[in-house]
C-alpha atoms as a PDB file:
ATOM      1  CA  MET A   1       1.304 -59.184   3.572  1.00  0.00           C
ATOM      2  CA  PRO A   2       2.889 -59.887   6.486  1.00  0.00           C
ATOM      3  CA  ARG A   3       1.205 -59.094   9.933  1.00  0.00           C
ATOM      4  CA  PRO A   4       3.534 -56.109  10.963  1.00  0.00           C
ATOM      5  CA  GLU A   5       3.119 -54.103   7.732  1.00  0.00           C
ATOM      6  CA  VAL A   6      -0.737 -54.545   7.947  1.00  0.00           C
ATOM      7  CA  LEU A   7      -0.314 -53.225  11.253  1.00  0.00           C
ATOM      8  CA  GLU A   8       1.533 -50.627  10.115  1.00  0.00           C
ATOM      9  CA  ASP A   9      -0.635 -49.585   6.906  1.00  0.00           C
ATOM     10  CA  ILE A  10      -3.713 -49.408   9.579  1.00  0.00           C
ATOM     11  CA  LYS A  11      -1.627 -47.095  11.594  1.00  0.00           C
ATOM     12  CA  SER A  12      -0.335 -45.116   8.729  1.00  0.00           C
ATOM     13  CA  ALA A  13      -4.300 -44.940   7.527  1.00  0.00           C
ATOM     14  CA  GLU A  14      -5.566 -44.185  10.987  1.00  0.00           C
ATOM     15  CA  SER A  15      -2.974 -41.134  10.974  1.00  0.00           C
ATOM     16  CA  ASP A  16      -3.789 -39.739   7.727  1.00  0.00           C
ATOM     17  CA  ALA A  17      -7.465 -39.944   8.644  1.00  0.00           C
ATOM     18  CA  ASP A  18      -6.533 -38.064  11.883  1.00  0.00           C
ATOM     19  CA  ASP A  19      -4.906 -35.678   9.714  1.00  0.00           C
ATOM     20  CA  ILE A  20      -7.761 -35.173   7.333  1.00  0.00           C
ATOM     21  CA  VAL A  21     -10.351 -34.994  10.327  1.00  0.00           C
ATOM     22  CA  ALA A  22      -7.764 -32.233  12.287  1.00  0.00           C
ATOM     23  CA  GLU A  23      -7.565 -30.145   8.772  1.00  0.00           C
ATOM     24  CA  ALA A  24     -11.167 -30.389   8.431  1.00  0.00           C
ATOM     25  CA  GLU A  25     -12.000 -28.565  11.814  1.00  0.00           C
ATOM     26  CA  GLU A  26      -9.323 -26.385  11.192  1.00  0.00           C
ATOM     27  CA  ASP A  27     -10.931 -25.258   8.023  1.00  0.00           C
ATOM     28  CA  ARG A  28     -14.757 -25.669   9.869  1.00  0.00           C
ATOM     29  CA  GLU A  29     -13.427 -23.160  12.524  1.00  0.00           C
ATOM     30  CA  GLN A  30     -11.714 -20.606  10.195  1.00  0.00           C
ATOM     31  CA  ARG A  31     -14.808 -20.559   7.736  1.00  0.00           C
ATOM     32  CA  LEU A  32     -16.675 -19.972  11.035  1.00  0.00           C
ATOM     33  CA  SER A  33     -14.417 -17.044  12.247  1.00  0.00           C
ATOM     34  CA  GLU A  34     -14.827 -15.590   8.646  1.00  0.00           C
ATOM     35  CA  ALA A  35     -18.707 -15.980   8.816  1.00  0.00           C
ATOM     36  CA  ARG A  36     -18.593 -14.442  12.208  1.00  0.00           C
ATOM     37  CA  LYS A  37     -16.752 -11.417  11.455  1.00  0.00           C
ATOM     38  CA  ARG A  38     -19.233 -10.922   8.405  1.00  0.00           C
ATOM     39  CA  ALA A  39     -22.170 -10.921  10.348  1.00  0.00           C
ATOM     40  CA  ASP A  40     -20.694  -8.729  12.684  1.00  0.00           C
ATOM     41  CA  GLU A  41     -19.852  -6.080   9.762  1.00  0.00           C
ATOM     42  CA  ILE A  42     -23.341  -6.725   8.026  1.00  0.00           C
ATOM     43  CA  ARG A  43     -24.935  -5.823  11.646  1.00  0.00           C
ATOM     44  CA  SER A  44     -22.413  -2.539  11.817  1.00  0.00           C
ATOM     45  CA  GLU A  45     -23.762  -1.615   8.176  1.00  0.00           C
ATOM     46  CA  ALA A  46     -27.091  -2.212   9.222  1.00  0.00           C
ATOM     47  CA  GLU A  47     -26.889  -0.176  12.591  1.00  0.00           C
ATOM     48  CA  GLU A  48     -25.110   2.818  10.551  1.00  0.00           C
ATOM     49  CA  GLU A  49     -27.784   2.610   8.133  1.00  0.00           C
ATOM     50  CA  ALA A  50     -30.775   2.941  10.643  1.00  0.00           C
ATOM     51  CA  ARG A  51     -28.825   5.825  12.836  1.00  0.00           C
ATOM     52  CA  GLU A  52     -28.492   7.635   9.227  1.00  0.00           C
ATOM     53  CA  LEU A  53     -31.950   6.678   8.531  1.00  0.00           C
ATOM     54  CA  LYS A  54     -33.170   7.663  11.979  1.00  0.00           C
ATOM     55  CA  GLU A  55     -31.285  11.157  11.522  1.00  0.00           C
ATOM     56  CA  GLN A  56     -32.733  11.986   7.992  1.00  0.00           C
ATOM     57  CA  ARG A  57     -36.598  11.171   9.496  1.00  0.00           C
ATOM     58  CA  LEU A  58     -35.652  13.177  12.190  1.00  0.00           C
ATOM     59  CA  GLU A  59     -34.689  16.267  10.232  1.00  0.00           C
ATOM     60  CA  GLU A  60     -37.625  15.877   7.817  1.00  0.00           C
ATOM     61  CA  ALA A  61     -39.921  16.123  10.927  1.00  0.00           C
ATOM     62  CA  ARG A  62     -38.520  19.059  12.309  1.00  0.00           C
ATOM     63  CA  GLU A  63     -38.853  20.847   9.097  1.00  0.00           C
ATOM     64  CA  ASP A  64     -42.221  19.699   8.881  1.00  0.00           C
ATOM     65  CA  ILE A  65     -42.991  21.239  12.215  1.00  0.00           C
ATOM     66  CA  GLU A  66     -41.036  24.438  11.635  1.00  0.00           C
ATOM     67  CA  ALA A  67     -43.294  24.836   8.431  1.00  0.00           C
ATOM     68  CA  GLU A  68     -46.525  24.199   9.970  1.00  0.00           C
ATOM     69  CA  ARG A  69     -45.218  26.452  12.875  1.00  0.00           C
ATOM     70  CA  ASN A  70     -44.328  29.116  10.740  1.00  0.00           C
ATOM     71  CA  ARG A  71     -47.941  28.358   8.557  1.00  0.00           C
ATOM     72  CA  ILE A  72     -49.718  28.518  11.964  1.00  0.00           C
ATOM     73  CA  LEU A  73     -48.122  32.050  13.247  1.00  0.00           C
ATOM     74  CA  GLU A  74     -48.611  33.431   9.901  1.00  0.00           C
ATOM     75  CA  GLU A  75     -52.466  32.611   9.972  1.00  0.00           C
ATOM     76  CA  GLY A  76     -52.613  34.379  13.603  1.00  0.00           C
ATOM     77  CA  GLU A  77     -50.798  37.163  12.697  1.00  0.00           C
ATOM     78  CA  ALA A  78     -53.257  37.983   9.894  1.00  0.00           C
ATOM     79  CA  ASP A  79     -56.017  36.977  12.151  1.00  0.00           C
ATOM     80  CA  ARG A  80     -54.822  39.582  14.700  1.00  0.00           C
ATOM     81  CA  GLU A  81     -54.598  42.231  11.737  1.00  0.00           C
ATOM     82  CA  GLN A  82     -58.040  41.515  10.749  1.00  0.00           C
ATOM     83  CA  LEU A  83     -58.950  41.842  14.497  1.00  0.00           C
ATOM     84  CA  GLU A  84     -56.992  45.249  15.041  1.00  0.00           C
ATOM     85  CA  ALA A  85     -58.705  46.549  11.650  1.00  0.00           C
ATOM     86  CA  LEU A  86     -62.358  45.482  12.671  1.00  0.00           C
ATOM     87  CA  ALA A  87     -61.579  47.015  16.292  1.00  0.00           C
ATOM     88  CA  GLU A  88     -60.336  50.025  14.775  1.00  0.00           C
ATOM     89  CA  GLU A  89     -63.926  50.044  12.362  1.00  0.00           C
ATOM     90  CA  ASN A  90     -65.734  49.796  15.753  1.00  0.00           C
ATOM     91  CA  GLU A  91     -63.621  52.493  17.502  1.00  0.00           C
ATOM     92  CA  GLU A  92     -66.041  55.443  16.788  1.00  0.00           C
ATOM     93  CA  ASP A  93     -69.066  53.291  17.386  1.00  0.00           C
ATOM     94  CA  ALA A  94     -67.707  52.026  20.720  1.00  0.00           C
ATOM     95  CA  VAL A  95     -66.917  55.475  22.248  1.00  0.00           C
ATOM     96  CA  ALA A  96     -69.937  56.898  20.956  1.00  0.00           C
ATOM     97  CA  TYR A  97     -71.901  53.970  23.041  1.00  0.00           C
ATOM     98  CA  ALA A  98     -70.101  54.596  25.918  1.00  0.00           C
ATOM     99  CA  VAL A  99     -70.643  58.329  26.092  1.00  0.00           C
ATOM    100  CA  GLU A 100     -74.458  57.747  25.373  1.00  0.00           C
ATOM    101  CA  GLN A 101     -74.489  55.153  28.365  1.00  0.00           C
ATOM    102  CA  PHE A 102     -72.738  57.642  30.565  1.00  0.00           C
ATOM    103  CA  GLU A 103     -75.015  60.494  29.592  1.00  0.00           C
ATOM    104  CA  GLU A 104     -78.288  57.956  30.108  1.00  0.00           C
ATOM    105  CA  ALA A 105     -76.268  57.309  33.463  1.00  0.00           C
ATOM    106  CA  VAL A 106     -75.943  60.932  34.235  1.00  0.00           C
ATOM    107  CA  HIS A 107     -79.514  61.500  33.602  1.00  0.00           C
ATOM    108  CA  ALA A 108     -80.898  59.127  35.199  1.00  0.00           C
ATOM    109  CA  GLN A 109     -79.324  60.621  38.271  1.00  0.00           C
ATOM    110  CA  THR A 110     -80.394  64.293  37.950  1.00  0.00           C
END
């Protein structure tokens, strides 16, 4: 093969190699771009799921707190009713005791 043809073949091979490398770099950049985009989508989905889970847990906690609050209020109401009943039972004794103490105080002064 004459020298100019060899040189032309080498230049052609180098050009082909440059084209292959450029094509490979474009393919790499495209794949990286797609991977970044997919990673962003996955991150967004995970954040949305986390938000939903947080809201669900907060709602469950609110429901639990409300149930506990109602239980405490019911217990307090029952205790109040019990104390009122006990006070009513002791009302006569308390009045009698107060009258007795008053009478003793009046007799002590006379």
